[in-house]
């Protein structure tokens, strides 16, 4: 299901890094945890809409963190252009 993110050779994890990558225009897809607080992911969603970047919703921050290979939850992550 989330194999694309797990196998991505170039990705960023976390909201700040995701926002920076979106602002640079180098993102092909964004993953957002459904249980993340709205004020945390608001900018990510807005930049995705502005730049036409697809958003993939993940059930929990814990699940997104595991997919990314980290031991803590993550509100968002992004796959970068190759």
Protein backbone atom coordinates (compact mmCIF):
# COMPACT_ATOMS: atom_id res chain seq x y z
CA UNK A 1 0.00 0.00 0.00
CA UNK A 2 2.69 2.51 0.98
CA UNK A 3 5.51 0.71 -0.77
CA UNK A 4 6.31 3.74 -2.92
CA UNK A 5 7.31 5.77 0.13
CA UNK A 6 9.16 2.88 1.75
CA UNK A 7 11.18 2.22 -1.42
CA UNK A 8 11.78 5.84 -2.44
CA UNK A 9 15.46 6.60 -2.88
CA UNK A 10 14.91 10.28 -2.17
CA UNK A 11 12.40 11.39 0.44
CA UNK A 12 11.92 13.75 3.35
CA UNK A 13 10.23 12.99 6.66
CA UNK A 14 8.47 15.51 8.85
CA UNK A 15 6.32 18.53 8.25
CA UNK A 16 9.07 21.17 8.18
CA UNK A 17 11.11 19.23 5.64
CA UNK A 18 8.01 18.46 3.57
CA UNK A 19 7.03 22.15 3.46
CA UNK A 20 10.56 23.14 2.41
CA UNK A 21 10.59 20.55 -0.37
CA UNK A 22 7.15 21.69 -1.58
CA UNK A 23 8.34 25.30 -1.64
CA UNK A 24 11.32 24.23 -3.77
CA UNK A 25 8.97 22.38 -6.13
CA UNK A 26 10.78 19.05 -5.96
CA UNK A 27 8.01 16.79 -4.59
CA UNK A 28 6.19 14.10 -6.56
CA UNK A 29 3.86 12.86 -3.77
CA UNK A 30 3.06 13.69 -0.15
CA UNK A 31 1.93 11.32 2.59
CA UNK A 32 -0.09 12.76 5.48
CA UNK A 33 -1.24 11.02 8.67
CA UNK A 34 -5.00 11.25 9.18
CA UNK A 35 -4.59 11.65 12.93
CA UNK A 36 -2.15 14.57 12.68
CA UNK A 37 -3.46 17.84 14.11
CA UNK A 38 -4.85 20.12 11.41
CA UNK A 39 -2.71 23.12 12.38
CA UNK A 40 0.41 20.96 11.88
CA UNK A 41 -0.44 19.81 8.35
CA UNK A 42 -2.38 22.87 7.12
CA UNK A 43 0.58 24.33 5.19
CA UNK A 44 1.42 20.96 3.64
CA UNK A 45 -2.12 20.54 2.33
CA UNK A 46 -2.24 24.11 1.01
CA UNK A 47 1.09 23.79 -0.83
CA UNK A 48 0.01 20.45 -2.32
CA UNK A 49 -3.19 22.02 -3.64
CA UNK A 50 -1.28 25.02 -5.01
CA UNK A 51 1.37 22.88 -6.73
CA UNK A 52 -0.89 20.02 -7.85
CA UNK A 53 0.94 17.44 -5.75
CA UNK A 54 -1.11 14.35 -4.84
CA UNK A 55 -1.70 13.59 -1.16
CA UNK A 56 -1.86 10.01 0.11
CA UNK A 57 -3.60 9.71 3.47
CA UNK A 58 -2.16 7.26 6.01
CA UNK A 59 -4.25 6.13 8.99
CA UNK A 60 -1.91 7.10 11.82
CA UNK A 61 1.27 9.01 12.53
CA UNK A 62 2.70 5.82 14.01
CA UNK A 63 2.05 3.91 10.76
CA UNK A 64 3.61 6.68 8.66
CA UNK A 65 6.69 6.66 10.89
CA UNK A 66 7.04 2.89 10.49
CA UNK A 67 6.71 3.13 6.70
CA UNK A 68 9.49 5.72 6.76
CA UNK A 69 11.67 3.46 8.90
CA UNK A 70 11.71 5.65 12.02
CA UNK A 71 10.77 4.73 15.58
CA UNK A 72 8.48 7.72 16.16
CA UNK A 73 5.35 8.97 14.45
CA UNK A 74 5.41 11.40 11.55
CA UNK A 75 2.69 13.84 10.51
CA UNK A 76 3.90 14.00 6.90
CA UNK A 77 6.53 12.79 4.48
CA UNK A 78 7.25 13.33 0.80
CA UNK A 79 8.81 11.55 -2.15
CA UNK A 80 11.17 13.83 -4.02
CA UNK A 81 11.66 13.95 -7.80
CA UNK A 82 14.47 11.70 -8.93
